[in-house]
Amino acid sequence: MSGRLQPYANQLADGIATLGLALAQETVDRLLAFGELLLKWNKVYNLSAIRSPQELITHHLLDSLAVLPHLESVNRLADIGSGGGLPGVALAIVRPGLLVSSIETVGKKASFQQQAKIELGLGNFSVLNKRVEQVQAGSLPGGAAEGVISRAFSSLADFVNLSGHLVAEGGALYAMKGVNPLDEIAALPSGWTITETHALSVPGLDAERHLLVIRRAGS
């Protein structure tokens, strides 16, 4: 393939290997194709503050894939406020058996995701152009989500309050964060608790990254 990301294709492949993932070349090529779409549409739609092809590899694609080992038990995933489709589109590419529902309020960003779904042939990916609090769990493909993930919420309390109703019995919320937000953890709504905290190491990204797993208390 050719494009702005081609000079960094080896960086993506090396990063995937460092994460311990074994992906077919076809899958890696689809990730690169998604990245090219992001770069192209970002010029007009302002999908992301990331403009550099090299940073797109690290800050978006590899950052999204870093959570994959912690989602092995999840077969139905809802991605909340995913903007340009991160991590949802990347995860749908890598795990074809994972049903991913992206919930995005901004019309132009939802339109981009729909275009990515079509161009990349992602039959396991769907886009809902709605506010998350307006989405009913039963309206998601396959029903309530076993996992609800987000990189975008400003606080854990907001994430839980607005998205908790989408989580299936026994499921969890997955909050992708930078530094471990101890003050936000202390402000979690009653009835919810942090059950796991994973420090993520994203190849090429010199910044703290954490994945917090939030479940209903007692589940």
Protein backbone atom coordinates (compact mmCIF):
# COMPACT_ATOMS: atom_id res chain seq x y z
CA MET A 1 0.00 0.00 0.00
CA SER A 2 1.02 3.61 -0.38
CA GLY A 3 0.16 6.68 1.64
CA ARG A 4 1.35 8.97 4.40
CA LEU A 5 1.56 6.09 6.89
CA GLN A 6 3.65 3.80 4.69
CA PRO A 7 7.00 5.08 6.10
CA TYR A 8 5.75 4.09 9.56
CA ALA A 9 4.34 0.67 8.66
CA ASN A 10 7.29 -1.07 10.31
CA GLN A 11 6.78 0.99 13.46
CA LEU A 12 3.20 -0.28 13.64
CA ALA A 13 4.28 -3.88 13.03
CA ASP A 14 7.03 -3.64 15.67
CA GLY A 15 4.61 -2.06 18.15
CA ILE A 16 2.06 -4.83 17.59
CA ALA A 17 4.77 -7.43 18.26
CA THR A 18 5.89 -5.57 21.41
CA LEU A 19 2.29 -5.68 22.67
CA GLY A 20 2.43 -9.46 22.28
CA LEU A 21 -0.18 -9.55 19.52
CA ALA A 22 0.08 -11.85 16.51
CA LEU A 23 -1.85 -10.29 13.64
CA ALA A 24 -2.08 -11.34 10.01
CA GLN A 25 -0.53 -8.93 7.50
CA GLU A 26 -3.99 -8.34 6.05
CA THR A 27 -5.15 -7.10 9.47
CA VAL A 28 -2.14 -4.80 9.83
CA ASP A 29 -2.85 -3.42 6.35
CA ARG A 30 -6.45 -2.68 7.36
CA LEU A 31 -5.23 -0.81 10.42
CA LEU A 32 -3.00 1.27 8.16
CA ALA A 33 -5.91 1.84 5.76
CA PHE A 34 -8.01 3.07 8.69
CA GLY A 35 -5.18 5.40 9.69
CA GLU A 36 -5.03 6.79 6.16
CA LEU A 37 -8.77 7.49 6.30
CA LEU A 38 -8.31 9.30 9.59
CA LEU A 39 -5.57 11.49 8.16
CA LYS A 40 -7.62 12.25 5.04
CA TRP A 41 -10.89 13.11 6.79
CA ASN A 42 -9.17 14.93 9.65
CA LYS A 43 -8.25 17.76 7.29
CA VAL A 44 -11.92 18.68 6.90
CA TYR A 45 -13.74 17.10 9.85
CA ASN A 46 -11.29 17.84 12.70
CA LEU A 47 -11.61 14.32 14.08
CA SER A 48 -8.47 14.49 16.20
CA ALA A 49 -5.80 16.91 17.38
CA ILE A 50 -3.23 14.37 16.16
CA ARG A 51 -2.02 15.43 12.70
CA SER A 52 1.35 13.68 12.48
CA PRO A 53 1.34 10.25 10.77
CA GLN A 54 3.91 8.94 13.23
CA GLU A 55 1.86 10.10 16.24
CA LEU A 56 -1.25 8.56 14.73
CA ILE A 57 0.54 5.19 14.87
CA THR A 58 1.48 5.56 18.55
CA HIS A 59 -1.21 7.78 20.08
CA HIS A 60 -4.17 6.24 18.27
CA LEU A 61 -3.58 2.80 16.76
CA LEU A 62 -1.12 1.27 19.26
CA ASP A 63 -2.82 3.03 22.18
CA SER A 64 -6.12 1.42 21.14
CA LEU A 65 -4.58 -2.03 20.70
CA ALA A 66 -2.87 -1.91 24.12
CA VAL A 67 -6.21 -2.68 25.84
CA LEU A 68 -6.86 -5.79 23.76
CA PRO A 69 -5.41 -8.38 26.19
CA HIS A 70 -7.81 -7.12 28.87
CA LEU A 71 -10.91 -7.57 26.70
CA GLU A 72 -10.56 -11.29 25.99
CA SER A 73 -13.79 -12.15 27.82
CA VAL A 74 -15.79 -9.41 26.05
CA ASN A 75 -17.77 -10.32 22.93
CA ARG A 76 -20.07 -7.28 22.80
CA LEU A 77 -18.37 -3.90 23.24
CA ALA A 78 -19.81 -0.38 23.25
CA ASP A 79 -17.38 2.48 22.58
CA ILE A 80 -18.62 5.77 24.04
CA GLY A 81 -17.73 9.13 22.50
CA SER A 82 -15.21 7.54 20.18
CA GLY A 83 -14.70 10.58 17.92
CA GLY A 84 -12.70 9.25 15.01
CA GLY A 85 -13.52 5.65 15.97
CA LEU A 86 -10.94 5.01 18.65
CA PRO A 87 -10.55 2.50 20.08
CA GLY A 88 -13.68 0.94 18.53
CA VAL A 89 -12.74 0.73 14.85
CA ALA A 90 -9.22 -0.51 15.62
CA LEU A 91 -10.58 -3.22 17.93
CA ALA A 92 -13.22 -4.26 15.38
CA ILE A 93 -10.50 -4.65 12.73
CA VAL A 94 -8.31 -6.80 14.95
CA ARG A 95 -11.10 -8.94 16.44
CA PRO A 96 -13.66 -9.78 13.71
CA GLY A 97 -15.71 -11.79 16.21
CA LEU A 98 -16.14 -8.79 18.51
CA LEU A 99 -19.42 -6.89 18.09
CA VAL A 100 -18.54 -3.21 18.45
CA SER A 101 -21.18 -0.50 18.82
CA SER A 102 -19.83 3.04 18.61
CA ILE A 103 -21.93 5.77 20.23
CA GLU A 104 -20.97 9.24 18.99
CA THR A 105 -23.02 12.43 19.40
CA VAL A 106 -21.22 14.56 16.79
CA GLY A 107 -22.74 13.98 13.38
CA LYS A 108 -19.63 14.51 11.26
CA LYS A 109 -17.62 12.11 13.43
CA ALA A 110 -20.36 9.49 13.24
CA SER A 111 -20.43 10.00 9.45
CA PHE A 112 -16.70 9.36 9.26
CA GLN A 113 -17.06 6.17 11.27
CA GLN A 114 -19.85 4.98 8.99
CA GLN A 115 -17.62 5.63 5.98
CA ALA A 116 -14.77 3.71 7.62
CA LYS A 117 -17.15 0.81 8.28
CA ILE A 118 -18.08 0.72 4.58
CA GLU A 119 -14.58 1.16 3.15
CA LEU A 120 -13.00 -1.37 5.51
CA GLY A 121 -15.87 -3.88 5.27
CA LEU A 122 -16.46 -4.03 9.02
CA GLY A 123 -19.58 -6.15 9.40
CA ASN A 124 -19.01 -6.37 13.17
CA PHE A 125 -19.04 -2.59 13.65
CA SER A 126 -22.05 -0.27 13.96
CA VAL A 127 -22.44 3.45 14.64
CA LEU A 128 -25.16 5.17 16.68
CA ASN A 129 -25.28 8.95 16.24
CA LYS A 130 -26.89 9.65 19.62
CA ARG A 131 -26.15 10.86 23.11
CA VAL A 132 -25.19 7.87 25.24
CA GLU A 133 -27.93 8.53 27.79
CA GLN A 134 -30.52 8.23 24.99
CA VAL A 135 -29.35 4.75 23.95
CA GLN A 136 -31.15 1.76 25.39
CA ALA A 137 -29.10 -1.35 26.16
CA GLY A 138 -31.57 -3.51 24.25
CA SER A 139 -31.05 -1.48 21.07
CA LEU A 140 -27.37 -2.46 20.84
CA PRO A 141 -26.51 -5.31 18.44
CA GLY A 142 -26.71 -8.48 20.51
CA GLY A 143 -28.18 -6.61 23.49
CA ALA A 144 -26.51 -5.07 26.54
CA ALA A 145 -22.73 -4.73 26.23
CA GLU A 146 -20.38 -7.02 28.12
CA GLY A 147 -17.88 -4.17 28.01
CA VAL A 148 -18.35 -0.41 27.69
CA ILE A 149 -15.14 1.46 26.88
CA SER A 150 -14.12 5.10 26.46
CA ARG A 151 -11.03 7.23 26.03
CA ALA A 152 -12.99 10.46 26.02
CA PHE A 153 -14.95 11.00 29.23
CA SER A 154 -13.73 13.82 31.42
CA SER A 155 -14.43 11.98 34.66
CA LEU A 156 -15.07 8.43 35.84
CA ALA A 157 -18.24 9.58 37.61
CA ASP A 158 -19.68 10.94 34.36
CA PHE A 159 -18.69 7.77 32.52
CA VAL A 160 -20.49 5.59 35.07
CA ASN A 161 -23.57 7.81 35.41
CA LEU A 162 -24.13 8.19 31.65
CA SER A 163 -23.02 4.75 30.42
CA GLY A 164 -23.62 2.31 33.27
CA HIS A 165 -27.09 1.37 32.03
CA LEU A 166 -25.57 -0.20 28.90
CA VAL A 167 -23.51 -2.77 30.87
CA ALA A 168 -24.85 -6.33 30.89
CA GLU A 169 -25.08 -8.31 34.12
CA GLY A 170 -21.54 -9.35 35.01
CA GLY A 171 -20.07 -6.89 32.52
CA ALA A 172 -17.81 -3.90 33.14
CA LEU A 173 -16.90 -0.37 32.17
CA TYR A 174 -13.37 0.09 30.83
CA ALA A 175 -11.96 3.60 31.28
CA MET A 176 -8.81 4.46 29.33
CA LYS A 177 -6.89 7.12 31.24
CA GLY A 178 -3.48 8.76 31.39
CA VAL A 179 -2.22 8.97 34.97
CA ASN A 180 -4.11 6.87 37.52
CA PRO A 181 -6.91 9.32 38.55
CA LEU A 182 -7.11 8.69 42.28
CA ASP A 183 -9.35 11.71 42.88
CA GLU A 184 -11.84 10.48 40.28
CA ILE A 185 -11.82 7.00 41.78
CA ALA A 186 -12.74 8.48 45.15
CA ALA A 187 -15.72 10.24 43.50
CA LEU A 188 -17.21 7.11 41.89
CA PRO A 189 -21.00 6.84 42.30
CA SER A 190 -22.34 4.51 44.95
CA GLY A 191 -22.83 0.95 43.75
CA TRP A 192 -19.77 0.90 41.48
CA THR A 193 -16.20 -0.04 42.28
CA ILE A 194 -12.78 -0.36 40.62
CA THR A 195 -12.00 -4.08 40.33
CA GLU A 196 -8.82 -3.88 38.24
CA THR A 197 -6.22 -1.23 37.39
CA HIS A 198 -3.82 -2.00 34.55
CA ALA A 199 -0.77 0.12 33.77
CA LEU A 200 -0.44 0.04 29.99
CA SER A 201 2.83 0.30 28.12
CA VAL A 202 2.21 1.70 24.65
CA PRO A 203 5.20 1.26 22.30
CA GLY A 204 6.59 4.62 21.27
CA LEU A 205 4.38 6.59 23.65
CA ASP A 206 6.34 8.20 26.47
CA ALA A 207 3.38 8.85 28.76
CA GLU A 208 1.50 7.11 31.52
CA ARG A 209 -1.51 5.10 30.38
CA HIS A 210 -3.94 3.15 32.55
CA LEU A 211 -7.01 1.01 32.00
CA LEU A 212 -9.49 1.02 34.87
CA VAL A 213 -12.12 -1.72 35.09
CA ILE A 214 -15.29 -0.64 36.88
CA ARG A 215 -18.02 -3.06 37.94
CA ARG A 216 -21.21 -2.97 39.94
CA ALA A 217 -20.38 -3.58 43.57
CA GLY A 218 -20.76 -7.25 44.43
CA SER A 219 -20.68 -8.47 40.83
